Amino acid sequence: MSNETRQITTAFQKLALFWRASQWQAAGGAGLNPTQGEVLQRISRRSARLGELAAMLGISQASLSDTVSSLEARGLAERRPDPEDGRVRRIEATAAGRRVAADLPQAPAALERALEEMSDTDRAALARSLVGIIRALQEADAIPVQRMCVSCRHFRPFAHADAARPHHCEFVDAAFGDASLRLDCDDHEAAPAGEAAAIWRRFETA
């Protein structure tokens, strides 16, 4: 490992420790543990099947089932039949669960401020770099496939001449720049393998 790489991995480690400590503090204030808090936030935005949700979080279905059961016992989540397959259940937040989730921060406030204080150029460069790192981890089967722009069939990289907003999302029919790249989009629809590869090549080389 080069010294440069070591310094970057050290930075990620420090950020991970800070994030985890912040999660414990925020979720603990609501009487939850970090995993329960994250699950509740996700299902308050979009219901999901147990297996789908476990894959998103990178945990076993058995562990997730225990977490969901704990949320159910508190009246914060429920399992409902999937409209597409009555044999399958979808996990969704109750009204009480959505209220609790709304009070949980999406990110530590100090980190939000640090990112907001960055220039638009630096923030866009950071977002683009993170997309590349996450995709590389996906390609190595080190993490589950994420609901990112670069793997979505609605994403059109560098479809516009505007340097500030070169990309286009066909789902919302809007142009946007690197700083607005989604890493976890509720409207994501996975592009077929060949199309996803072409999208990435265009994004990476343009």
Protein backbone atom coordinates (compact mmCIF):
# COMPACT_ATOMS: atom_id res chain seq x y z
CA MET A 1 0.00 0.00 0.00
CA SER A 2 1.37 3.38 -0.97
CA ASN A 3 1.61 6.14 1.61
CA GLU A 4 -1.05 8.13 -0.24
CA THR A 5 -3.46 5.20 -0.14
CA ARG A 6 -2.70 4.60 3.54
CA GLN A 7 -3.57 8.21 4.38
CA ILE A 8 -6.87 7.98 2.52
CA THR A 9 -7.83 4.70 4.20
CA THR A 10 -6.96 6.25 7.56
CA ALA A 11 -9.31 9.13 6.78
CA PHE A 12 -12.12 6.70 5.91
CA GLN A 13 -11.50 4.83 9.16
CA LYS A 14 -11.71 8.02 11.23
CA LEU A 15 -14.90 9.09 9.44
CA ALA A 16 -16.43 5.63 9.99
CA LEU A 17 -15.69 5.80 13.72
CA PHE A 18 -17.17 9.29 13.94
CA TRP A 19 -20.26 8.24 11.99
CA ARG A 20 -20.82 5.15 14.13
CA ALA A 21 -20.52 7.12 17.36
CA SER A 22 -22.97 9.69 16.02
CA GLN A 23 -25.40 6.91 15.04
CA TRP A 24 -25.31 5.48 18.55
CA GLN A 25 -26.01 8.90 20.01
CA ALA A 26 -28.85 9.79 17.62
CA ALA A 27 -30.55 6.38 17.65
CA GLY A 28 -30.06 6.03 21.40
CA GLY A 29 -32.01 9.22 21.92
CA ALA A 30 -34.97 7.47 20.30
CA GLY A 31 -34.41 4.27 22.25
CA LEU A 32 -33.01 2.42 19.22
CA ASN A 33 -29.66 0.94 18.28
CA PRO A 34 -27.93 2.13 15.06
CA THR A 35 -29.16 -0.80 12.96
CA GLN A 36 -32.75 -0.28 14.08
CA GLY A 37 -32.43 3.43 13.32
CA GLU A 38 -31.06 2.80 9.83
CA VAL A 39 -33.71 0.19 9.02
CA LEU A 40 -36.45 2.52 10.23
CA GLN A 41 -35.15 5.39 8.11
CA ARG A 42 -35.01 3.19 5.01
CA ILE A 43 -38.47 1.67 5.34
CA SER A 44 -39.98 5.08 6.14
CA ARG A 45 -38.85 6.19 2.67
CA ARG A 46 -39.68 2.98 0.81
CA SER A 47 -41.01 -0.41 1.88
CA ALA A 48 -38.84 -3.39 1.01
CA ARG A 49 -38.76 -7.17 1.09
CA LEU A 50 -36.68 -8.67 3.89
CA GLY A 51 -34.06 -10.11 1.51
CA GLU A 52 -33.83 -6.88 -0.46
CA LEU A 53 -33.37 -4.83 2.69
CA ALA A 54 -30.78 -7.24 4.11
CA ALA A 55 -28.78 -6.98 0.88
CA MET A 56 -28.88 -3.17 1.01
CA LEU A 57 -27.55 -3.18 4.56
CA GLY A 58 -25.07 -6.02 4.05
CA ILE A 59 -26.41 -8.08 6.96
CA SER A 60 -27.97 -11.55 7.21
CA GLN A 61 -31.72 -12.01 6.83
CA ALA A 62 -31.82 -13.64 10.27
CA SER A 63 -30.21 -10.61 11.90
CA LEU A 64 -32.48 -8.24 10.02
CA SER A 65 -35.55 -10.28 10.97
CA ASP A 66 -34.64 -9.81 14.64
CA THR A 67 -34.28 -6.07 14.09
CA VAL A 68 -37.63 -5.85 12.31
CA SER A 69 -39.29 -7.87 15.08
CA SER A 70 -37.97 -5.37 17.63
CA LEU A 71 -39.38 -2.48 15.61
CA GLU A 72 -42.70 -4.32 15.25
CA ALA A 73 -42.89 -4.86 19.00
CA ARG A 74 -42.61 -1.10 19.47
CA GLY A 75 -45.25 -0.39 16.85
CA LEU A 76 -42.75 1.27 14.50
CA ALA A 77 -42.80 -1.28 11.65
CA GLU A 78 -45.06 -3.91 10.17
CA ARG A 79 -44.94 -6.71 7.61
CA ARG A 80 -47.55 -6.54 4.86
CA PRO A 81 -48.25 -8.84 1.89
CA ASP A 82 -46.34 -7.84 -1.23
CA PRO A 83 -48.85 -6.72 -3.92
CA GLU A 84 -46.76 -8.57 -6.52
CA ASP A 85 -46.56 -11.84 -4.55
CA GLY A 86 -48.88 -12.54 -1.64
CA ARG A 87 -46.51 -15.21 -0.31
CA VAL A 88 -43.88 -12.54 0.37
CA ARG A 89 -43.98 -9.80 2.99
CA ARG A 90 -42.76 -6.24 2.62
CA ILE A 91 -41.41 -4.34 5.60
CA GLU A 92 -42.80 -0.85 6.02
CA ALA A 93 -42.88 1.82 8.69
CA THR A 94 -46.05 2.58 10.60
CA ALA A 95 -47.22 6.16 11.07
CA ALA A 96 -45.48 6.16 14.46
CA GLY A 97 -42.35 4.75 12.82
CA ARG A 98 -42.30 7.50 10.21
CA ARG A 99 -42.56 10.12 12.94
CA VAL A 100 -39.59 8.64 14.79
CA ALA A 101 -37.60 8.32 11.55
CA ALA A 102 -38.27 11.97 10.70
CA ASP A 103 -36.56 12.97 13.94
CA LEU A 104 -33.44 10.90 13.22
CA PRO A 105 -30.69 12.88 11.44
CA GLN A 106 -29.70 11.70 7.97
CA ALA A 107 -26.07 12.47 8.83
CA PRO A 108 -24.10 13.96 11.73
CA ALA A 109 -24.69 17.72 11.81
CA ALA A 110 -20.96 18.49 12.02
CA LEU A 111 -20.32 16.47 8.87
CA GLU A 112 -23.18 18.16 7.04
CA ARG A 113 -21.71 21.56 7.88
CA ALA A 114 -18.24 20.50 6.74
CA LEU A 115 -19.62 19.33 3.39
CA GLU A 116 -21.76 22.43 2.91
CA GLU A 117 -18.72 24.61 3.51
CA MET A 118 -16.85 22.95 0.63
CA SER A 119 -16.83 24.68 -2.74
CA ASP A 120 -19.22 23.35 -5.37
CA THR A 121 -16.22 22.14 -7.38
CA ASP A 122 -14.69 20.23 -4.47
CA ARG A 123 -18.02 18.73 -3.45
CA ALA A 124 -18.67 17.57 -7.02
CA ALA A 125 -15.19 16.03 -7.26
CA LEU A 126 -15.71 14.21 -3.96
CA ALA A 127 -19.08 12.83 -5.07
CA ARG A 128 -17.60 11.59 -8.34
CA SER A 129 -14.68 9.93 -6.54
CA LEU A 130 -16.99 8.20 -4.07
CA VAL A 131 -19.13 6.85 -6.90
CA GLY A 132 -16.02 5.35 -8.46
CA ILE A 133 -14.90 3.75 -5.19
CA ILE A 134 -18.32 2.28 -4.47
CA ARG A 135 -18.63 0.90 -8.00
CA ALA A 136 -15.18 -0.71 -7.71
CA LEU A 137 -16.24 -2.40 -4.46
CA GLN A 138 -19.41 -3.62 -6.15
CA GLU A 139 -17.45 -5.01 -9.09
CA ALA A 140 -15.25 -6.89 -6.61
CA ASP A 141 -18.38 -8.30 -4.90
CA ALA A 142 -17.16 -6.68 -1.68
CA ILE A 143 -20.47 -4.84 -1.09
CA PRO A 144 -24.05 -5.24 -2.36
CA VAL A 145 -25.06 -3.36 -5.51
CA GLN A 146 -26.13 0.14 -4.54
CA ARG A 147 -28.99 2.17 -5.98
CA MET A 148 -26.68 4.67 -7.70
CA CYS A 149 -27.19 6.89 -10.75
CA VAL A 150 -24.39 5.14 -12.63
CA SER A 151 -26.21 1.79 -12.52
CA CYS A 152 -29.68 3.16 -13.28
CA ARG A 153 -31.45 2.86 -16.62
CA HIS A 154 -32.72 6.44 -16.28
CA PHE A 155 -29.22 7.96 -16.07
CA ARG A 156 -27.70 9.67 -19.11
CA PRO A 157 -24.15 10.88 -18.35
CA PHE A 158 -22.90 13.96 -20.17
CA ALA A 159 -26.10 14.40 -22.15
CA HIS A 160 -25.84 18.20 -21.97
CA ALA A 161 -23.20 20.74 -22.96
CA ASP A 162 -23.65 22.64 -19.68
CA ALA A 163 -20.47 21.92 -17.69
CA ALA A 164 -22.26 22.62 -14.40
CA ARG A 165 -25.14 20.23 -15.16
CA PRO A 166 -24.01 17.77 -17.83
CA HIS A 167 -26.00 14.70 -16.75
CA HIS A 168 -29.67 13.90 -17.27
CA CYS A 169 -32.17 11.82 -15.31
CA GLU A 170 -34.98 10.61 -17.53
CA PHE A 171 -37.11 9.62 -14.54
CA VAL A 172 -37.53 13.24 -13.41
CA ASP A 173 -36.52 14.73 -16.79
CA ALA A 174 -33.91 17.02 -15.26
CA ALA A 175 -30.27 17.95 -15.79
CA PHE A 176 -27.81 17.84 -12.88
CA GLY A 177 -24.11 17.90 -12.04
CA ASP A 178 -21.65 15.61 -10.29
CA ALA A 179 -22.44 17.07 -6.86
CA SER A 180 -26.03 15.80 -7.21
CA LEU A 181 -25.13 12.22 -8.17
CA ARG A 182 -27.30 9.83 -6.17
CA LEU A 183 -25.68 7.02 -4.21
CA ASP A 184 -28.98 5.69 -2.84
CA CYS A 185 -32.01 6.65 -4.92
CA ASP A 186 -35.51 5.39 -4.13
CA ASP A 187 -36.44 5.67 -7.82
CA HIS A 188 -33.49 3.59 -9.00
CA GLU A 189 -34.15 0.96 -11.66
CA ALA A 190 -31.17 -1.23 -12.47
CA ALA A 191 -29.98 -1.03 -16.05
CA PRO A 192 -29.30 -4.33 -17.86
CA ALA A 193 -25.65 -5.41 -17.57
CA GLY A 194 -24.62 -4.31 -21.07
CA GLU A 195 -26.39 -0.98 -20.77
CA ALA A 196 -24.94 -0.38 -17.29
CA ALA A 197 -21.42 -1.00 -18.62
CA ALA A 198 -22.00 1.48 -21.46
CA ILE A 199 -23.32 4.09 -19.03
CA TRP A 200 -20.24 3.69 -16.86
CA ARG A 201 -17.84 3.97 -19.81
CA ARG A 202 -19.51 7.19 -20.86
CA PHE A 203 -19.45 8.56 -17.33
CA GLU A 204 -15.82 7.58 -16.72
CA THR A 205 -14.30 8.74 -20.01
CA ALA A 206 -16.30 11.80 -21.05
